[in-house]
């Protein structure tokens, strides 16, 4: 069995897709207990990653400002 991809390097879309697959497997109830626990742990980490990515995207959108003459502009977002 292959090693799962590192979550920190995943895009939002990739992480969300894997999270959806994990939820479907857990909902099926077919996985053994230990495998279910491992999937749940990875799912929790994927959920946190997706939430962080969404928060970062929200900050970037909030940094869009209106410039002189009503032209939209962008200010760099601060991520800490």
N, C-alpha and C. Protein backbone atom coordinates (compact mmCIF):
# COMPACT_ATOMS: atom_id res chain seq x y z
N UNK A 1 0.85 -1.18 0.00
CA UNK A 1 0.00 0.00 0.00
C UNK A 1 0.89 1.24 0.00
N UNK A 2 0.53 2.25 -0.79
CA UNK A 2 1.37 3.44 -0.91
C UNK A 2 1.16 4.37 0.28
N UNK A 3 2.20 5.14 0.54
CA UNK A 3 2.18 6.13 1.62
C UNK A 3 1.27 7.28 1.22
N UNK A 4 0.39 7.75 2.13
CA UNK A 4 -0.47 8.88 1.76
C UNK A 4 0.33 10.15 1.53
N UNK A 5 -0.19 10.99 0.67
CA UNK A 5 0.48 12.25 0.35
C UNK A 5 0.52 13.15 1.58
N UNK A 6 1.59 13.94 1.73
CA UNK A 6 1.65 14.87 2.86
C UNK A 6 0.56 15.93 2.73
N UNK A 7 -0.20 16.11 3.78
CA UNK A 7 -1.34 17.02 3.76
C UNK A 7 -0.92 18.46 3.52
N UNK A 8 0.17 18.89 4.13
CA UNK A 8 0.62 20.28 4.00
C UNK A 8 0.88 20.69 2.55
N UNK A 9 1.21 19.74 1.70
CA UNK A 9 1.53 20.05 0.31
C UNK A 9 0.30 19.99 -0.61
N UNK A 10 -0.85 19.59 -0.06
CA UNK A 10 -2.05 19.42 -0.88
C UNK A 10 -2.74 20.74 -1.18
N UNK A 11 -3.33 20.80 -2.36
CA UNK A 11 -4.21 21.91 -2.68
C UNK A 11 -5.52 21.70 -1.92
N UNK A 12 -6.32 22.74 -1.85
CA UNK A 12 -7.63 22.63 -1.20
C UNK A 12 -8.46 21.53 -1.89
N UNK A 13 -8.48 21.56 -3.21
CA UNK A 13 -9.31 20.62 -3.97
C UNK A 13 -8.88 19.16 -3.75
N UNK A 14 -7.59 18.92 -3.72
CA UNK A 14 -7.09 17.57 -3.51
C UNK A 14 -7.43 17.08 -2.10
N UNK A 15 -7.22 17.96 -1.12
CA UNK A 15 -7.52 17.59 0.27
C UNK A 15 -9.01 17.33 0.45
N UNK A 16 -9.85 18.17 -0.14
CA UNK A 16 -11.29 18.00 -0.02
C UNK A 16 -11.74 16.69 -0.68
N UNK A 17 -11.17 16.38 -1.82
CA UNK A 17 -11.52 15.14 -2.51
C UNK A 17 -11.17 13.92 -1.65
N UNK A 18 -9.98 13.94 -1.07
CA UNK A 18 -9.59 12.81 -0.22
C UNK A 18 -10.48 12.74 1.01
N UNK A 19 -10.82 13.89 1.58
CA UNK A 19 -11.70 13.92 2.74
C UNK A 19 -13.06 13.32 2.40
N UNK A 20 -13.60 13.65 1.23
CA UNK A 20 -14.88 13.08 0.80
C UNK A 20 -14.80 11.57 0.65
N UNK A 21 -13.68 11.07 0.13
CA UNK A 21 -13.49 9.62 0.00
C UNK A 21 -13.45 8.95 1.37
N UNK A 22 -12.76 9.58 2.32
CA UNK A 22 -12.67 9.02 3.67
C UNK A 22 -14.05 8.97 4.31
N UNK A 23 -14.81 10.05 4.17
CA UNK A 23 -16.16 10.09 4.76
C UNK A 23 -17.01 8.97 4.17
N UNK A 24 -16.94 8.77 2.87
CA UNK A 24 -17.73 7.71 2.23
C UNK A 24 -17.33 6.34 2.76
N UNK A 25 -16.03 6.10 2.93
CA UNK A 25 -15.57 4.80 3.45
C UNK A 25 -16.03 4.59 4.89
N UNK A 26 -15.93 5.66 5.70
CA UNK A 26 -16.35 5.54 7.09
C UNK A 26 -17.86 5.32 7.19
N UNK A 27 -18.62 6.01 6.34
CA UNK A 27 -20.08 5.85 6.36
C UNK A 27 -20.51 4.46 5.93
N UNK A 28 -19.70 3.80 5.11
CA UNK A 28 -20.07 2.46 4.64
C UNK A 28 -19.99 1.44 5.78
N UNK A 29 -19.16 1.73 6.78
CA UNK A 29 -19.04 0.83 7.92
C UNK A 29 -18.30 -0.47 7.62
N UNK A 30 -17.63 -0.54 6.50
CA UNK A 30 -16.97 -1.78 6.08
C UNK A 30 -15.52 -1.90 6.54
N UNK A 31 -14.92 -0.82 6.98
CA UNK A 31 -13.51 -0.86 7.37
C UNK A 31 -13.37 -1.41 8.79
N UNK A 32 -12.29 -2.15 9.04
CA UNK A 32 -12.04 -2.62 10.41
C UNK A 32 -11.81 -1.44 11.35
N UNK A 33 -11.96 -1.67 12.65
CA UNK A 33 -11.89 -0.61 13.64
C UNK A 33 -10.60 0.18 13.56
N UNK A 34 -9.45 -0.47 13.53
CA UNK A 34 -8.17 0.24 13.50
C UNK A 34 -8.01 1.08 12.23
N UNK A 35 -8.45 0.54 11.11
CA UNK A 35 -8.39 1.29 9.86
C UNK A 35 -9.34 2.49 9.92
N UNK A 36 -10.50 2.31 10.53
CA UNK A 36 -11.46 3.41 10.67
C UNK A 36 -10.88 4.53 11.52
N UNK A 37 -10.19 4.16 12.59
CA UNK A 37 -9.58 5.17 13.46
C UNK A 37 -8.50 5.94 12.70
N UNK A 38 -7.68 5.24 11.95
CA UNK A 38 -6.62 5.89 11.16
C UNK A 38 -7.24 6.82 10.10
N UNK A 39 -8.30 6.36 9.45
CA UNK A 39 -8.97 7.19 8.45
C UNK A 39 -9.58 8.43 9.11
N UNK A 40 -10.17 8.24 10.29
CA UNK A 40 -10.77 9.37 11.00
C UNK A 40 -9.71 10.41 11.35
N UNK A 41 -8.55 9.94 11.83
CA UNK A 41 -7.46 10.86 12.17
C UNK A 41 -6.99 11.64 10.94
N UNK A 42 -6.82 10.95 9.83
CA UNK A 42 -6.39 11.64 8.60
C UNK A 42 -7.49 12.60 8.13
N UNK A 43 -8.73 12.18 8.25
CA UNK A 43 -9.83 13.04 7.87
C UNK A 43 -9.87 14.32 8.70
N UNK A 44 -9.59 14.21 9.99
CA UNK A 44 -9.57 15.39 10.86
C UNK A 44 -8.45 16.34 10.42
N UNK A 45 -7.30 15.77 10.08
CA UNK A 45 -6.17 16.60 9.62
C UNK A 45 -6.50 17.26 8.27
N UNK A 46 -7.15 16.53 7.39
CA UNK A 46 -7.56 17.09 6.09
C UNK A 46 -8.58 18.21 6.29
N UNK A 47 -9.50 18.03 7.20
CA UNK A 47 -10.51 19.05 7.49
C UNK A 47 -9.84 20.33 7.98
N UNK A 48 -8.89 20.20 8.88
CA UNK A 48 -8.17 21.37 9.39
C UNK A 48 -7.42 22.07 8.27
N UNK A 49 -6.79 21.29 7.40
CA UNK A 49 -6.05 21.85 6.27
C UNK A 49 -7.00 22.63 5.35
N UNK A 50 -8.15 22.05 5.04
CA UNK A 50 -9.13 22.72 4.18
C UNK A 50 -9.62 24.01 4.82
N UNK A 51 -9.88 23.98 6.12
CA UNK A 51 -10.33 25.18 6.82
C UNK A 51 -9.27 26.28 6.77
N UNK A 52 -8.01 25.90 6.93
CA UNK A 52 -6.92 26.88 6.87
C UNK A 52 -6.80 27.49 5.48
N UNK A 53 -6.93 26.64 4.46
CA UNK A 53 -6.87 27.14 3.07
C UNK A 53 -8.02 28.10 2.78
N UNK A 54 -9.21 27.77 3.27
CA UNK A 54 -10.36 28.66 3.06
C UNK A 54 -10.17 29.98 3.79
N UNK A 55 -9.64 29.94 5.00
CA UNK A 55 -9.39 31.16 5.75
C UNK A 55 -8.37 32.05 5.03
N UNK A 56 -7.34 31.44 4.48
CA UNK A 56 -6.34 32.20 3.74
C UNK A 56 -6.95 32.83 2.49
N UNK A 57 -7.80 32.09 1.81
CA UNK A 57 -8.46 32.63 0.62
C UNK A 57 -9.38 33.78 1.00
N UNK A 58 -10.09 33.65 2.10
CA UNK A 58 -10.98 34.71 2.57
C UNK A 58 -10.18 35.98 2.86
N UNK A 59 -9.02 35.83 3.50
CA UNK A 59 -8.17 36.99 3.78
C UNK A 59 -7.72 37.67 2.50
N UNK A 60 -7.38 36.89 1.51
CA UNK A 60 -6.95 37.47 0.24
C UNK A 60 -8.08 38.25 -0.42
N UNK A 61 -9.28 37.71 -0.38
CA UNK A 61 -10.42 38.39 -0.97
C UNK A 61 -10.71 39.68 -0.20
N UNK A 62 -10.60 39.64 1.12
CA UNK A 62 -10.86 40.83 1.92
C UNK A 62 -9.85 41.93 1.66
N UNK A 63 -8.70 41.60 1.13
CA UNK A 63 -7.67 42.59 0.85
C UNK A 63 -7.90 43.33 -0.46
N UNK A 64 -8.88 42.92 -1.24
CA UNK A 64 -9.19 43.63 -2.47
C UNK A 64 -9.85 44.95 -2.09
N UNK A 65 -9.32 46.03 -2.61
CA UNK A 65 -9.81 47.37 -2.24
C UNK A 65 -10.15 48.15 -3.50
N UNK A 66 -10.90 49.21 -3.31
CA UNK A 66 -11.21 50.10 -4.42
C UNK A 66 -10.21 51.23 -4.43
N UNK A 67 -9.58 51.46 -5.57
CA UNK A 67 -8.59 52.50 -5.71
C UNK A 67 -9.21 53.81 -6.18
N UNK A 68 -8.37 54.75 -6.49
CA UNK A 68 -8.83 56.05 -6.99
C UNK A 68 -9.63 55.86 -8.27
N UNK A 69 -10.70 56.58 -8.39
CA UNK A 69 -11.52 56.47 -9.59
C UNK A 69 -12.38 55.22 -9.61
N UNK A 70 -12.46 54.47 -8.51
CA UNK A 70 -13.30 53.28 -8.44
C UNK A 70 -12.68 52.03 -9.03
N UNK A 71 -11.41 52.13 -9.42
CA UNK A 71 -10.76 50.94 -10.00
C UNK A 71 -10.38 49.98 -8.87
N UNK A 72 -10.69 48.69 -9.04
CA UNK A 72 -10.32 47.74 -8.00
C UNK A 72 -8.82 47.56 -7.94
N UNK A 73 -8.32 47.36 -6.75
CA UNK A 73 -6.90 47.11 -6.54
C UNK A 73 -6.73 45.97 -5.56
N UNK A 74 -5.53 45.60 -5.32
CA UNK A 74 -5.26 44.50 -4.41
C UNK A 74 -4.15 44.92 -3.46
N UNK A 75 -4.35 44.61 -2.19
CA UNK A 75 -3.30 44.80 -1.20
C UNK A 75 -2.81 43.43 -0.79
N UNK A 76 -1.52 43.27 -0.53
CA UNK A 76 -1.02 41.97 -0.10
C UNK A 76 -1.63 41.57 1.24
N UNK A 77 -2.05 40.34 1.35
CA UNK A 77 -2.59 39.83 2.61
C UNK A 77 -1.45 39.39 3.50
N UNK A 78 -1.67 39.52 4.77
CA UNK A 78 -0.66 39.06 5.74
C UNK A 78 -1.12 37.72 6.29
N UNK A 79 -0.30 36.71 6.15
CA UNK A 79 -0.62 35.38 6.65
C UNK A 79 0.32 35.05 7.79
N UNK A 80 -0.25 34.89 8.96
CA UNK A 80 0.58 34.53 10.10
C UNK A 80 -0.01 33.41 10.88
